[in-house]
Amino acid sequence: HLTYRTLRQERPCDLIVLCEGCHRHQHGLDTDDPISREFREI
């Protein structure tokens, strides 16, 4: 998910396909990008 604002009502532009490794990296606890912060909050 590129955003969680549309959770359960996602549009194709809200999503991308990642492999497991890249997906884990996107949600890494060592990163401080807005998407990772939002994920950790949720």
Full PDB file with SEQRES, HELIX, SHEET, SSBOND, CRYST1, ORIGX, SCALE, CONECT and MASTER records, all heavy atoms in Angstrom:
SEQRES   1 A   42  HIS LEU THR TYR ARG THR LEU ARG GLN GLU ARG PRO CYS          
SEQRES   2 A   42  ASP LEU ILE VAL LEU CYS GLU GLY CYS HIS ARG HIS GLN          
SEQRES   3 A   42  HIS GLY LEU ASP THR ASP ASP PRO ILE SER ARG GLU PHE          
SEQRES   4 A   42  ARG GLU ILE                                                  
HELIX    1 AA1 PRO A   12  ASP A   14  5                                   3    
HELIX    2 AA2 GLU A   20  GLN A   26  1                                   7    
HELIX    3 AA3 PRO A   34  GLU A   41  1                                   8    
CRYST1    1.000    1.000    1.000  90.00  90.00  90.00 P 1           1          
ORIGX1      1.000000  0.000000  0.000000        0.00000                         
ORIGX2      0.000000  1.000000  0.000000        0.00000                         
ORIGX3      0.000000  0.000000  1.000000        0.00000                         
SCALE1      1.000000  0.000000  0.000000        0.00000                         
SCALE2      0.000000  1.000000  0.000000        0.00000                         
SCALE3      0.000000  0.000000  1.000000        0.00000                         
ATOM      1  N   HIS A   1       0.844  -1.197   0.000  1.00  0.00           N  
ATOM      2  CA  HIS A   1       0.000   0.000   0.000  1.00  0.00           C  
ATOM      3  C   HIS A   1       0.878   1.245   0.000  1.00  0.00           C  
ATOM      4  O   HIS A   1       1.754   1.371   0.847  1.00  0.00           O  
ATOM      5  CB  HIS A   1      -0.890   0.029   1.243  1.00  0.00           C  
ATOM      6  CG  HIS A   1      -1.946  -1.013   1.261  1.00  0.00           C  
ATOM      7  ND1 HIS A   1      -1.691  -2.330   1.593  1.00  0.00           N  
ATOM      8  CD2 HIS A   1      -3.263  -0.930   0.979  1.00  0.00           C  
ATOM      9  CE1 HIS A   1      -2.813  -3.012   1.518  1.00  0.00           C  
ATOM     10  NE2 HIS A   1      -3.782  -2.192   1.147  1.00  0.00           N  
ATOM     11  N   LEU A   2       0.607   2.149  -0.901  1.00  0.00           N  
ATOM     12  CA  LEU A   2       1.310   3.432  -0.919  1.00  0.00           C  
ATOM     13  C   LEU A   2       0.689   4.393   0.088  1.00  0.00           C  
ATOM     14  O   LEU A   2       1.325   5.350   0.515  1.00  0.00           O  
ATOM     15  CB  LEU A   2       1.278   4.031  -2.324  1.00  0.00           C  
ATOM     16  CG  LEU A   2       2.015   3.205  -3.377  1.00  0.00           C  
ATOM     17  CD1 LEU A   2       1.771   3.772  -4.766  1.00  0.00           C  
ATOM     18  CD2 LEU A   2       3.502   3.146  -3.076  1.00  0.00           C  
ATOM     19  N   THR A   3      -0.548   4.146   0.466  1.00  0.00           N  
ATOM     20  CA  THR A   3      -1.244   4.921   1.490  1.00  0.00           C  
ATOM     21  C   THR A   3      -2.225   3.990   2.191  1.00  0.00           C  
ATOM     22  O   THR A   3      -2.666   3.008   1.609  1.00  0.00           O  
ATOM     23  CB  THR A   3      -1.995   6.127   0.902  1.00  0.00           C  
ATOM     24  OG1 THR A   3      -2.650   6.821   1.970  1.00  0.00           O  
ATOM     25  CG2 THR A   3      -3.029   5.727  -0.137  1.00  0.00           C  
ATOM     26  N   TYR A   4      -2.555   4.313   3.426  1.00  0.00           N  
ATOM     27  CA  TYR A   4      -3.570   3.547   4.144  1.00  0.00           C  
ATOM     28  C   TYR A   4      -4.868   4.338   4.272  1.00  0.00           C  
ATOM     29  O   TYR A   4      -5.828   3.873   4.865  1.00  0.00           O  
ATOM     30  CB  TYR A   4      -3.050   3.142   5.534  1.00  0.00           C  
ATOM     31  CG  TYR A   4      -1.955   2.116   5.427  1.00  0.00           C  
ATOM     32  CD1 TYR A   4      -0.622   2.494   5.532  1.00  0.00           C  
ATOM     33  CD2 TYR A   4      -2.239   0.786   5.178  1.00  0.00           C  
ATOM     34  CE1 TYR A   4       0.392   1.561   5.410  1.00  0.00           C  
ATOM     35  CE2 TYR A   4      -1.237  -0.157   5.049  1.00  0.00           C  
ATOM     36  CZ  TYR A   4       0.071   0.238   5.166  1.00  0.00           C  
ATOM     37  OH  TYR A   4       1.075  -0.690   5.035  1.00  0.00           O  
ATOM     38  N   ARG A   5      -4.905   5.520   3.681  1.00  0.00           N  
ATOM     39  CA  ARG A   5      -6.131   6.328   3.733  1.00  0.00           C  
ATOM     40  C   ARG A   5      -7.286   5.654   3.004  1.00  0.00           C  
ATOM     41  O   ARG A   5      -8.436   5.931   3.303  1.00  0.00           O  
ATOM     42  CB  ARG A   5      -5.879   7.715   3.156  1.00  0.00           C  
ATOM     43  CG  ARG A   5      -5.067   8.595   4.078  1.00  0.00           C  
ATOM     44  CD  ARG A   5      -4.936   9.999   3.521  1.00  0.00           C  
ATOM     45  NE  ARG A   5      -4.001  10.025   2.405  1.00  0.00           N  
ATOM     46  CZ  ARG A   5      -2.711  10.300   2.521  1.00  0.00           C  
ATOM     47  NH1 ARG A   5      -2.203  10.590   3.696  1.00  0.00           N  
ATOM     48  NH2 ARG A   5      -1.932  10.297   1.469  1.00  0.00           N  
ATOM     49  N   THR A   6      -6.973   4.798   2.034  1.00  0.00           N  
ATOM     50  CA  THR A   6      -8.015   4.132   1.254  1.00  0.00           C  
ATOM     51  C   THR A   6      -8.111   2.646   1.600  1.00  0.00           C  
ATOM     52  O   THR A   6      -8.633   1.858   0.809  1.00  0.00           O  
ATOM     53  CB  THR A   6      -7.732   4.298  -0.251  1.00  0.00           C  
ATOM     54  OG1 THR A   6      -6.424   3.774  -0.530  1.00  0.00           O  
ATOM     55  CG2 THR A   6      -7.829   5.742  -0.684  1.00  0.00           C  
ATOM     56  N   LEU A   7      -7.623   2.256   2.770  1.00  0.00           N  
ATOM     57  CA  LEU A   7      -7.607   0.858   3.183  1.00  0.00           C  
ATOM     58  C   LEU A   7      -8.983   0.228   2.999  1.00  0.00           C  
ATOM     59  O   LEU A   7      -9.990   0.794   3.402  1.00  0.00           O  
ATOM     60  CB  LEU A   7      -7.165   0.748   4.640  1.00  0.00           C  
ATOM     61  CG  LEU A   7      -6.783  -0.639   5.126  1.00  0.00           C  
ATOM     62  CD1 LEU A   7      -5.596  -1.178   4.336  1.00  0.00           C  
ATOM     63  CD2 LEU A   7      -6.431  -0.596   6.606  1.00  0.00           C  
ATOM     64  N   ARG A   8      -9.002  -0.922   2.362  1.00  0.00           N  
ATOM     65  CA  ARG A   8     -10.203  -1.694   2.024  1.00  0.00           C  
ATOM     66  C   ARG A   8     -11.039  -1.046   0.929  1.00  0.00           C  
ATOM     67  O   ARG A   8     -12.109  -1.551   0.598  1.00  0.00           O  
ATOM     68  CB  ARG A   8     -11.040  -2.001   3.264  1.00  0.00           C  
ATOM     69  CG  ARG A   8     -10.311  -2.896   4.241  1.00  0.00           C  
ATOM     70  CD  ARG A   8     -11.188  -3.304   5.406  1.00  0.00           C  
ATOM     71  NE  ARG A   8     -10.465  -4.174   6.306  1.00  0.00           N  
ATOM     72  CZ  ARG A   8      -9.635  -3.773   7.259  1.00  0.00           C  
ATOM     73  NH1 ARG A   8      -9.414  -2.491   7.444  1.00  0.00           N  
ATOM     74  NH2 ARG A   8      -9.024  -4.643   8.025  1.00  0.00           N  
ATOM     75  N   GLN A   9     -10.594   0.067   0.394  1.00  0.00           N  
ATOM     76  CA  GLN A   9     -11.244   0.713  -0.751  1.00  0.00           C  
ATOM     77  C   GLN A   9     -10.159   1.179  -1.716  1.00  0.00           C  
ATOM     78  O   GLN A   9     -10.263   2.231  -2.347  1.00  0.00           O  
ATOM     79  CB  GLN A   9     -12.101   1.897  -0.298  1.00  0.00           C  
ATOM     80  CG  GLN A   9     -13.226   1.491   0.615  1.00  0.00           C  
ATOM     81  CD  GLN A   9     -13.987   2.706   1.124  1.00  0.00           C  
ATOM     82  OE1 GLN A   9     -13.837   3.821   0.646  1.00  0.00           O  
ATOM     83  NE2 GLN A   9     -14.840   2.483   2.102  1.00  0.00           N  
ATOM     84  N   GLU A  10      -9.090   0.381  -1.813  1.00  0.00           N  
ATOM     85  CA  GLU A  10      -7.919   0.761  -2.587  1.00  0.00           C  
ATOM     86  C   GLU A  10      -8.244   0.922  -4.071  1.00  0.00           C  
ATOM     87  O   GLU A  10      -9.076   0.217  -4.610  1.00  0.00           O  
ATOM     88  CB  GLU A  10      -6.810  -0.293  -2.448  1.00  0.00           C  
ATOM     89  CG  GLU A  10      -6.267  -0.445  -1.057  1.00  0.00           C  
ATOM     90  CD  GLU A  10      -7.015  -1.473  -0.226  1.00  0.00           C  
ATOM     91  OE1 GLU A  10      -8.137  -1.874  -0.592  1.00  0.00           O  
ATOM     92  OE2 GLU A  10      -6.464  -1.888   0.806  1.00  0.00           O  
ATOM     93  N   ARG A  11      -7.556   1.848  -4.673  1.00  0.00           N  
ATOM     94  CA  ARG A  11      -7.560   2.006  -6.120  1.00  0.00           C  
ATOM     95  C   ARG A  11      -6.227   1.471  -6.624  1.00  0.00           C  
ATOM     96  O   ARG A  11      -5.249   1.426  -5.869  1.00  0.00           O  
ATOM     97  CB  ARG A  11      -7.697   3.487  -6.485  1.00  0.00           C  
ATOM     98  CG  ARG A  11      -8.993   4.107  -5.968  1.00  0.00           C  
ATOM     99  CD  ARG A  11      -8.922   5.596  -6.045  1.00  0.00           C  
ATOM    100  NE  ARG A  11      -7.791   6.031  -5.201  1.00  0.00           N  
ATOM    101  CZ  ARG A  11      -7.445   7.269  -4.982  1.00  0.00           C  
ATOM    102  NH1 ARG A  11      -8.112   8.240  -5.525  1.00  0.00           N  
ATOM    103  NH2 ARG A  11      -6.416   7.573  -4.213  1.00  0.00           N  
ATOM    104  N   PRO A  12      -6.151   1.057  -7.877  1.00  0.00           N  
ATOM    105  CA  PRO A  12      -4.877   0.540  -8.391  1.00  0.00           C  
ATOM    106  C   PRO A  12      -3.703   1.491  -8.172  1.00  0.00           C  
ATOM    107  O   PRO A  12      -2.592   1.031  -7.897  1.00  0.00           O  
ATOM    108  CB  PRO A  12      -5.161   0.324  -9.882  1.00  0.00           C  
ATOM    109  CG  PRO A  12      -6.625   0.032  -9.929  1.00  0.00           C  
ATOM    110  CD  PRO A  12      -7.231   0.929  -8.864  1.00  0.00           C  
ATOM    111  N   CYS A  13      -3.934   2.791  -8.204  1.00  0.00           N  
ATOM    112  CA  CYS A  13      -2.838   3.747  -8.017  1.00  0.00           C  
ATOM    113  C   CYS A  13      -2.375   3.827  -6.566  1.00  0.00           C  
ATOM    114  O   CYS A  13      -1.358   4.446  -6.276  1.00  0.00           O  
ATOM    115  CB  CYS A  13      -3.227   5.126  -8.538  1.00  0.00           C  
ATOM    116  SG  CYS A  13      -4.601   5.888  -7.660  1.00  0.00           S  
ATOM    117  N   ASP A  14      -3.108   3.192  -5.639  1.00  0.00           N  
ATOM    118  CA  ASP A  14      -2.730   3.182  -4.227  1.00  0.00           C  
ATOM    119  C   ASP A  14      -1.823   2.011  -3.880  1.00  0.00           C  
ATOM    120  O   ASP A  14      -1.383   1.889  -2.736  1.00  0.00           O  
ATOM    121  CB  ASP A  14      -3.973   3.081  -3.333  1.00  0.00           C  
ATOM    122  CG  ASP A  14      -4.901   4.268  -3.469  1.00  0.00           C  
ATOM    123  OD1 ASP A  14      -4.409   5.369  -3.753  1.00  0.00           O  
ATOM    124  OD2 ASP A  14      -6.118   4.087  -3.288  1.00  0.00           O  
ATOM    125  N   LEU A  15      -1.575   1.106  -4.842  1.00  0.00           N  
ATOM    126  CA  LEU A  15      -0.868  -0.145  -4.593  1.00  0.00           C  
ATOM    127  C   LEU A  15       0.273  -0.342  -5.577  1.00  0.00           C  
ATOM    128  O   LEU A  15       0.198   0.124  -6.715  1.00  0.00           O  
ATOM    129  CB  LEU A  15      -1.831  -1.330  -4.735  1.00  0.00           C  
ATOM    130  CG  LEU A  15      -3.125  -1.256  -3.942  1.00  0.00           C  
ATOM    131  CD1 LEU A  15      -4.094  -2.320  -4.413  1.00  0.00           C  
ATOM    132  CD2 LEU A  15      -2.839  -1.388  -2.459  1.00  0.00           C  
ATOM    133  N   ILE A  16       1.324  -1.033  -5.119  1.00  0.00           N  
ATOM    134  CA  ILE A  16       2.365  -1.499  -6.034  1.00  0.00           C  
ATOM    135  C   ILE A  16       2.710  -2.932  -5.649  1.00  0.00           C  
ATOM    136  O   ILE A  16       2.420  -3.373  -4.536  1.00  0.00           O  
ATOM    137  CB  ILE A  16       3.637  -0.621  -6.026  1.00  0.00           C  
ATOM    138  CG1 ILE A  16       4.279  -0.578  -4.645  1.00  0.00           C  
ATOM    139  CG2 ILE A  16       3.358   0.768  -6.563  1.00  0.00           C  
ATOM    140  CD1 ILE A  16       5.651   0.109  -4.632  1.00  0.00           C  
ATOM    141  N   VAL A  17       3.319  -3.657  -6.585  1.00  0.00           N  
ATOM    142  CA  VAL A  17       3.744  -5.026  -6.337  1.00  0.00           C  
ATOM    143  C   VAL A  17       5.219  -5.015  -5.970  1.00  0.00           C  
ATOM    144  O   VAL A  17       6.035  -4.418  -6.675  1.00  0.00           O  
ATOM    145  CB  VAL A  17       3.510  -5.912  -7.575  1.00  0.00           C  
ATOM    146  CG1 VAL A  17       4.081  -7.311  -7.373  1.00  0.00           C  
ATOM    147  CG2 VAL A  17       2.022  -5.983  -7.897  1.00  0.00           C  
ATOM    148  N   LEU A  18       5.546  -5.651  -4.847  1.00  0.00           N  
ATOM    149  CA  LEU A  18       6.927  -5.775  -4.397  1.00  0.00           C  
ATOM    150  C   LEU A  18       7.207  -7.224  -4.046  1.00  0.00           C  
ATOM    151  O   LEU A  18       6.298  -7.953  -3.632  1.00  0.00           O  
ATOM    152  CB  LEU A  18       7.173  -4.923  -3.150  1.00  0.00           C  
ATOM    153  CG  LEU A  18       7.017  -3.416  -3.287  1.00  0.00           C  
ATOM    154  CD1 LEU A  18       7.198  -2.754  -1.927  1.00  0.00           C  
ATOM    155  CD2 LEU A  18       7.996  -2.850  -4.292  1.00  0.00           C  
ATOM    156  N   CYS A  19       8.463  -7.641  -4.166  1.00  0.00           N  
ATOM    157  CA  CYS A  19       8.846  -8.954  -3.660  1.00  0.00           C  
ATOM    158  C   CYS A  19       8.908  -8.850  -2.136  1.00  0.00           C  
ATOM    159  O   CYS A  19       8.911  -7.756  -1.567  1.00  0.00           O  
ATOM    160  CB  CYS A  19      10.182  -9.401  -4.240  1.00  0.00           C  
ATOM    161  SG  CYS A  19      11.600  -8.450  -3.652  1.00  0.00           S  
ATOM    162  N   GLU A  20       8.968  -9.994  -1.487  1.00  0.00           N  
ATOM    163  CA  GLU A  20       8.974 -10.004  -0.022  1.00  0.00           C  
ATOM    164  C   GLU A  20      10.121  -9.179   0.558  1.00  0.00           C  
ATOM    165  O   GLU A  20       9.936  -8.419   1.506  1.00  0.00           O  
ATOM    166  CB  GLU A  20       9.052 -11.444   0.486  1.00  0.00           C  
ATOM    167  CG  GLU A  20       8.942 -11.551   1.971  1.00  0.00           C  
ATOM    168  CD  GLU A  20       8.969 -12.984   2.461  1.00  0.00           C  
ATOM    169  OE1 GLU A  20       9.025 -13.919   1.636  1.00  0.00           O  
ATOM    170  OE2 GLU A  20       8.942 -13.163   3.682  1.00  0.00           O  
ATOM    171  N   GLY A  21      11.314  -9.289  -0.019  1.00  0.00           N  
ATOM    172  CA  GLY A  21      12.465  -8.542   0.495  1.00  0.00           C  
ATOM    173  C   GLY A  21      12.303  -7.043   0.365  1.00  0.00           C  
ATOM    174  O   GLY A  21      12.564  -6.297   1.315  1.00  0.00           O  
ATOM    175  N   CYS A  22      11.861  -6.589  -0.793  1.00  0.00           N  
ATOM    176  CA  CYS A  22      11.655  -5.147  -0.986  1.00  0.00           C  
ATOM    177  C   CYS A  22      10.499  -4.640  -0.130  1.00  0.00           C  
ATOM    178  O   CYS A  22      10.536  -3.520   0.373  1.00  0.00           O  
ATOM    179  CB  CYS A  22      11.424  -4.835  -2.462  1.00  0.00           C  
ATOM    180  SG  CYS A  22      12.914  -4.980  -3.478  1.00  0.00           S  
ATOM    181  N   HIS A  23       9.467  -5.477   0.052  1.00  0.00           N  
ATOM    182  CA  HIS A  23       8.338  -5.077   0.889  1.00  0.00           C  
ATOM    183  C   HIS A  23       8.792  -4.912   2.333  1.00  0.00           C  
ATOM    184  O   HIS A  23       8.449  -3.922   2.995  1.00  0.00           O  
ATOM    185  CB  HIS A  23       7.228  -6.129   0.782  1.00  0.00           C  
ATOM    186  CG  HIS A  23       5.900  -5.649   1.253  1.00  0.00           C  
ATOM    187  ND1 HIS A  23       4.848  -6.497   1.440  1.00  0.00           N  
ATOM    188  CD2 HIS A  23       5.437  -4.415   1.585  1.00  0.00           C  
ATOM    189  CE1 HIS A  23       3.799  -5.805   1.868  1.00  0.00           C  
ATOM    190  NE2 HIS A  23       4.135  -4.539   1.961  1.00  0.00           N  
ATOM    191  N   ARG A  24       9.599  -5.844   2.836  1.00  0.00           N  
ATOM    192  CA  ARG A  24      10.129  -5.718   4.202  1.00  0.00           C  
ATOM    193  C   ARG A  24      10.952  -4.437   4.329  1.00  0.00           C  
ATOM    194  O   ARG A  24      10.868  -3.728   5.322  1.00  0.00           O  
ATOM    195  CB  ARG A  24      10.989  -6.933   4.563  1.00  0.00           C  
ATOM    196  CG  ARG A  24      10.198  -8.127   5.015  1.00  0.00           C  
ATOM    197  CD  ARG A  24      11.056  -9.162   5.730  1.00  0.00           C  
ATOM    198  NE  ARG A  24      12.319  -9.428   5.080  1.00  0.00           N  
ATOM    199  CZ  ARG A  24      12.529 -10.383   4.175  1.00  0.00           C  
ATOM    200  NH1 ARG A  24      11.555 -11.163   3.808  1.00  0.00           N  
ATOM    201  NH2 ARG A  24      13.706 -10.546   3.637  1.00  0.00           N  
ATOM    202  N   HIS A  25      11.757  -4.164   3.314  1.00  0.00           N  
ATOM    203  CA  HIS A  25      12.591  -2.953   3.350  1.00  0.00           C  
ATOM    204  C   HIS A  25      11.715  -1.699   3.405  1.00  0.00           C  
ATOM    205  O   HIS A  25      12.034  -0.746   4.117  1.00  0.00           O  
ATOM    206  CB  HIS A  25      13.512  -2.917   2.137  1.00  0.00           C  
ATOM    207  CG  HIS A  25      14.376  -1.705   2.101  1.00  0.00           C  
ATOM    208  ND1 HIS A  25      15.421  -1.514   2.978  1.00  0.00           N  
ATOM    209  CD2 HIS A  25      14.328  -0.602   1.312  1.00  0.00           C  
ATOM    210  CE1 HIS A  25      15.993  -0.339   2.721  1.00  0.00           C  
ATOM    211  NE2 HIS A  25      15.344   0.226   1.726  1.00  0.00           N  
ATOM    212  N   GLN A  26      10.613  -1.707   2.672  1.00  0.00           N  
ATOM    213  CA  GLN A  26       9.713  -0.548   2.667  1.00  0.00           C  
ATOM    214  C   GLN A  26       9.148  -0.271   4.049  1.00  0.00           C  
ATOM    215  O   GLN A  26       8.840   0.857   4.384  1.00  0.00           O  
ATOM    216  CB  GLN A  26       8.562  -0.763   1.685  1.00  0.00           C  
ATOM    217  CG  GLN A  26       8.954  -0.593   0.246  1.00  0.00           C  
ATOM    218  CD  GLN A  26       9.386   0.831  -0.055  1.00  0.00           C  
ATOM    219  OE1 GLN A  26       8.678   1.788   0.250  1.00  0.00           O  
ATOM    220  NE2 GLN A  26      10.545   0.969  -0.645  1.00  0.00           N  
ATOM    221  N   HIS A  27       8.999  -1.316   4.870  1.00  0.00           N  
ATOM    222  CA  HIS A  27       8.449  -1.163   6.212  1.00  0.00           C  
ATOM    223  C   HIS A  27       9.519  -1.304   7.288  1.00  0.00           C  
ATOM    224  O   HIS A  27       9.199  -1.516   8.459  1.00  0.00           O  
ATOM    225  CB  HIS A  27       7.345  -2.206   6.449  1.00  0.00           C  
ATOM    226  CG  HIS A  27       6.124  -1.977   5.622  1.00  0.00           C  
ATOM    227  ND1 HIS A  27       5.339  -0.854   5.728  1.00  0.00           N  
ATOM    228  CD2 HIS A  27       5.561  -2.730   4.651  1.00  0.00           C  
ATOM    229  CE1 HIS A  27       4.346  -0.929   4.872  1.00  0.00           C  
ATOM    230  NE2 HIS A  27       4.454  -2.057   4.197  1.00  0.00           N  
ATOM    231  N   GLY A  28      10.776  -1.152   6.899  1.00  0.00           N  
ATOM    232  CA  GLY A  28      11.877  -1.323   7.846  1.00  0.00           C  
ATOM    233  C   GLY A  28      11.808  -0.344   9.000  1.00  0.00           C  
ATOM    234  O   GLY A  28      11.476   0.824   8.833  1.00  0.00           O  
ATOM    235  N   LEU A  29      12.116  -0.855  10.181  1.00  0.00           N  
ATOM    236  CA  LEU A  29      12.083  -0.004  11.373  1.00  0.00           C  
ATOM    237  C   LEU A  29      13.227   0.997  11.399  1.00  0.00           C  
ATOM    238  O   LEU A  29      13.205   1.930  12.179  1.00  0.00           O  
ATOM    239  CB  LEU A  29      12.115  -0.875  12.636  1.00  0.00           C  
ATOM    240  CG  LEU A  29      10.895  -1.770  12.819  1.00  0.00           C  
ATOM    241  CD1 LEU A  29      11.081  -2.657  14.039  1.00  0.00           C  
ATOM    242  CD2 LEU A  29       9.631  -0.946  12.941  1.00  0.00           C  
ATOM    243  N   ASP A  30      14.213   0.796  10.536  1.00  0.00           N  
ATOM    244  CA  ASP A  30      15.351   1.713  10.505  1.00  0.00           C  
ATOM    245  C   ASP A  30      15.138   2.869   9.532  1.00  0.00           C  
ATOM    246  O   ASP A  30      16.000   3.713   9.387  1.00  0.00           O  
ATOM    247  CB  ASP A  30      16.633   0.961  10.152  1.00  0.00           C  
ATOM    248  CG  ASP A  30      16.539   0.260   8.797  1.00  0.00           C  
ATOM    249  OD1 ASP A  30      15.418   0.045   8.307  1.00  0.00           O  
ATOM    250  OD2 ASP A  30      17.588  -0.076   8.249  1.00  0.00           O  
ATOM    251  N   THR A  31      13.993   2.908   8.895  1.00  0.00           N  
ATOM    252  CA  THR A  31      13.724   4.006   7.963  1.00  0.00           C  
ATOM    253  C   THR A  31      12.754   4.982   8.598  1.00  0.00           C  
ATOM    254  O   THR A  31      11.999   4.634   9.506  1.00  0.00           O  
ATOM    255  CB  THR A  31      13.144   3.497   6.632  1.00  0.00           C  
ATOM    256  OG1 THR A  31      11.904   2.847   6.897  1.00  0.00           O  
ATOM    257  CG2 THR A  31      14.094   2.555   5.937  1.00  0.00           C  
ATOM    258  N   ASP A  32      12.760   6.196   8.121  1.00  0.00           N  
ATOM    259  CA  ASP A  32      11.895   7.221   8.690  1.00  0.00           C  
ATOM    260  C   ASP A  32      11.116   7.953   7.607  1.00  0.00           C  
ATOM    261  O   ASP A  32      10.797   9.116   7.744  1.00  0.00           O  
ATOM    262  CB  ASP A  32      12.727   8.213   9.511  1.00  0.00           C  
ATOM    263  CG  ASP A  32      11.850   9.010  10.474  1.00  0.00           C  
ATOM    264  OD1 ASP A  32      10.884   8.433  11.008  1.00  0.00           O  
ATOM    265  OD2 ASP A  32      12.115  10.212  10.660  1.00  0.00           O  
ATOM    266  N   ASP A  33      10.798   7.227   6.518  1.00  0.00           N  
ATOM    267  CA  ASP A  33      10.008   7.860   5.464  1.00  0.00           C  
ATOM    268  C   ASP A  33       8.534   7.895   5.888  1.00  0.00           C  
ATOM    269  O   ASP A  33       8.113   7.159   6.786  1.00  0.00           O  
ATOM    270  CB  ASP A  33      10.178   7.107   4.143  1.00  0.00           C  
ATOM    271  CG  ASP A  33       9.666   5.698   4.239  1.00  0.00           C  
ATOM    272  OD1 ASP A  33      10.426   4.817   4.683  1.00  0.00           O  
ATOM    273  OD2 ASP A  33       8.492   5.486   3.896  1.00  0.00           O  
ATOM    274  N   PRO A  34       7.732   8.744   5.277  1.00  0.00           N  
ATOM    275  CA  PRO A  34       6.330   8.906   5.701  1.00  0.00           C  
ATOM    276  C   PRO A  34       5.511   7.616   5.627  1.00  0.00           C  
ATOM    277  O   PRO A  34       4.689   7.363   6.510  1.00  0.00           O  
ATOM    278  CB  PRO A  34       5.780   9.951   4.726  1.00  0.00           C  
ATOM    279  CG  PRO A  34       6.968  10.697   4.251  1.00  0.00           C  
ATOM    280  CD  PRO A  34       8.109   9.707   4.247  1.00  0.00           C  
ATOM    281  N   ILE A  35       5.716   6.788   4.621  1.00  0.00           N  
ATOM    282  CA  ILE A  35       4.936   5.556   4.492  1.00  0.00           C  
ATOM    283  C   ILE A  35       5.286   4.597   5.620  1.00  0.00           C  
ATOM    284  O   ILE A  35       4.409   3.988   6.237  1.00  0.00           O  
ATOM    285  CB  ILE A  35       5.142   4.909   3.111  1.00  0.00           C  
ATOM    286  CG1 ILE A  35       4.515   5.806   2.030  1.00  0.00           C  
ATOM    287  CG2 ILE A  35       4.523   3.515   3.062  1.00  0.00           C  
ATOM    288  CD1 ILE A  35       4.834   5.383   0.618  1.00  0.00           C  
ATOM    289  N   SER A  36       6.573   4.454   5.942  1.00  0.00           N  
ATOM    290  CA  SER A  36       6.971   3.568   7.036  1.00  0.00           C  
ATOM    291  C   SER A  36       6.458   4.076   8.378  1.00  0.00           C  
ATOM    292  O   SER A  36       5.999   3.295   9.212  1.00  0.00           O  
ATOM    293  CB  SER A  36       8.494   3.415   7.076  1.00  0.00           C  
ATOM    294  OG  SER A  36       8.946   2.747   5.922  1.00  0.00           O  
ATOM    295  N   ARG A  37       6.512   5.383   8.602  1.00  0.00           N  
ATOM    296  CA  ARG A  37       5.971   5.949   9.848  1.00  0.00           C  
ATOM    297  C   ARG A  37       4.479   5.662   9.959  1.00  0.00           C  
ATOM    298  O   ARG A  37       3.976   5.248  11.011  1.00  0.00           O  
ATOM    299  CB  ARG A  37       6.212   7.450   9.911  1.00  0.00           C  
ATOM    300  CG  ARG A  37       7.603   7.826  10.342  1.00  0.00           C  
ATOM    301  CD  ARG A  37       7.697   9.274  10.791  1.00  0.00           C  
ATOM    302  NE  ARG A  37       7.151  10.206   9.814  1.00  0.00           N  
ATOM    303  CZ  ARG A  37       7.857  10.788   8.837  1.00  0.00           C  
ATOM    304  NH1 ARG A  37       9.147  10.536   8.705  1.00  0.00           N  
ATOM    305  NH2 ARG A  37       7.289  11.619   8.012  1.00  0.00           N  
ATOM    306  N   GLU A  38       3.748   5.855   8.851  1.00  0.00           N  
ATOM    307  CA  GLU A  38       2.308   5.605   8.841  1.00  0.00           C  
ATOM    308  C   GLU A  38       2.015   4.133   9.128  1.00  0.00           C  
ATOM    309  O   GLU A  38       1.138   3.804   9.929  1.00  0.00           O  
ATOM    310  CB  GLU A  38       1.726   6.009   7.484  1.00  0.00           C  
ATOM    311  CG  GLU A  38       0.230   5.880   7.384  1.00  0.00           C  
ATOM    312  CD  GLU A  38      -0.307   6.331   6.037  1.00  0.00           C  
ATOM    313  OE1 GLU A  38       0.483   6.697   5.143  1.00  0.00           O  
ATOM    314  OE2 GLU A  38      -1.534   6.286   5.883  1.00  0.00           O  
ATOM    315  N   PHE A  39       2.774   3.230   8.516  1.00  0.00           N  
ATOM    316  CA  PHE A  39       2.600   1.796   8.747  1.00  0.00           C  
ATOM    317  C   PHE A  39       2.839   1.457  10.210  1.00  0.00           C  
ATOM    318  O   PHE A  39       2.040   0.755  10.839  1.00  0.00           O  
ATOM    319  CB  PHE A  39       3.556   1.005   7.855  1.00  0.00           C  
ATOM    320  CG  PHE A  39       3.556  -0.469   8.135  1.00  0.00           C  
ATOM    321  CD1 PHE A  39       2.533  -1.271   7.662  1.00  0.00           C  
ATOM    322  CD2 PHE A  39       4.573  -1.045   8.869  1.00  0.00           C  
ATOM    323  CE1 PHE A  39       2.532  -2.626   7.923  1.00  0.00           C  
ATOM    324  CE2 PHE A  39       4.578  -2.401   9.131  1.00  0.00           C  
ATOM    325  CZ  PHE A  39       3.549  -3.196   8.655  1.00  0.00           C  
ATOM    326  N   ARG A  40       3.917   1.966  10.773  1.00  0.00           N  
ATOM    327  CA  ARG A  40       4.236   1.662  12.171  1.00  0.00           C  
ATOM    328  C   ARG A  40       3.141   2.193  13.104  1.00  0.00           C  
ATOM    329  O   ARG A  40       2.790   1.544  14.082  1.00  0.00           O  
ATOM    330  CB  ARG A  40       5.603   2.220  12.539  1.00  0.00           C  
ATOM    331  CG  ARG A  40       6.743   1.475  11.862  1.00  0.00           C  
ATOM    332  CD  ARG A  40       8.089   1.836  12.432  1.00  0.00           C  
ATOM    333  NE  ARG A  40       8.423   3.240  12.372  1.00  0.00           N  
ATOM    334  CZ  ARG A  40       9.136   3.809  11.398  1.00  0.00           C  
ATOM    335  NH1 ARG A  40       9.579   3.114  10.394  1.00  0.00           N  
ATOM    336  NH2 ARG A  40       9.403   5.096  11.455  1.00  0.00           N  
ATOM    337  N   GLU A  41       2.581   3.354  12.800  1.00  0.00           N  
ATOM    338  CA  GLU A  41       1.497   3.901  13.611  1.00  0.00           C  
ATOM    339  C   GLU A  41       0.261   3.011  13.544  1.00  0.00           C  
ATOM    340  O   GLU A  41      -0.355   2.724  14.569  1.00  0.00           O  
ATOM    341  CB  GLU A  41       1.133   5.318  13.156  1.00  0.00           C  
ATOM    342  CG  GLU A  41       2.176   6.346  13.496  1.00  0.00           C  
ATOM    343  CD  GLU A  41       1.871   7.692  12.870  1.00  0.00           C  
ATOM    344  OE1 GLU A  41       0.746   7.887  12.364  1.00  0.00           O  
ATOM    345  OE2 GLU A  41       2.773   8.557  12.889  1.00  0.00           O  
ATOM    346  N   ILE A  42      -0.066   2.542  12.349  1.00  0.00           N  
ATOM    347  CA  ILE A  42      -1.253   1.708  12.163  1.00  0.00           C  
ATOM    348  C   ILE A  42      -1.121   0.381  12.894  1.00  0.00           C  
ATOM    349  O   ILE A  42      -2.044  -0.074  13.552  1.00  0.00           O  
ATOM    350  CB  ILE A  42      -1.553   1.502  10.663  1.00  0.00           C  
ATOM    351  CG1 ILE A  42      -2.065   2.812  10.083  1.00  0.00           C  
ATOM    352  CG2 ILE A  42      -2.551   0.372  10.437  1.00  0.00           C  
ATOM    353  CD1 ILE A  42      -2.165   2.817   8.583  1.00  0.00           C  
TER     354      ILE A  42                                                      
MASTER        0    0    0    3    0    0    0    6  353    1    0    4          
END                                                                             
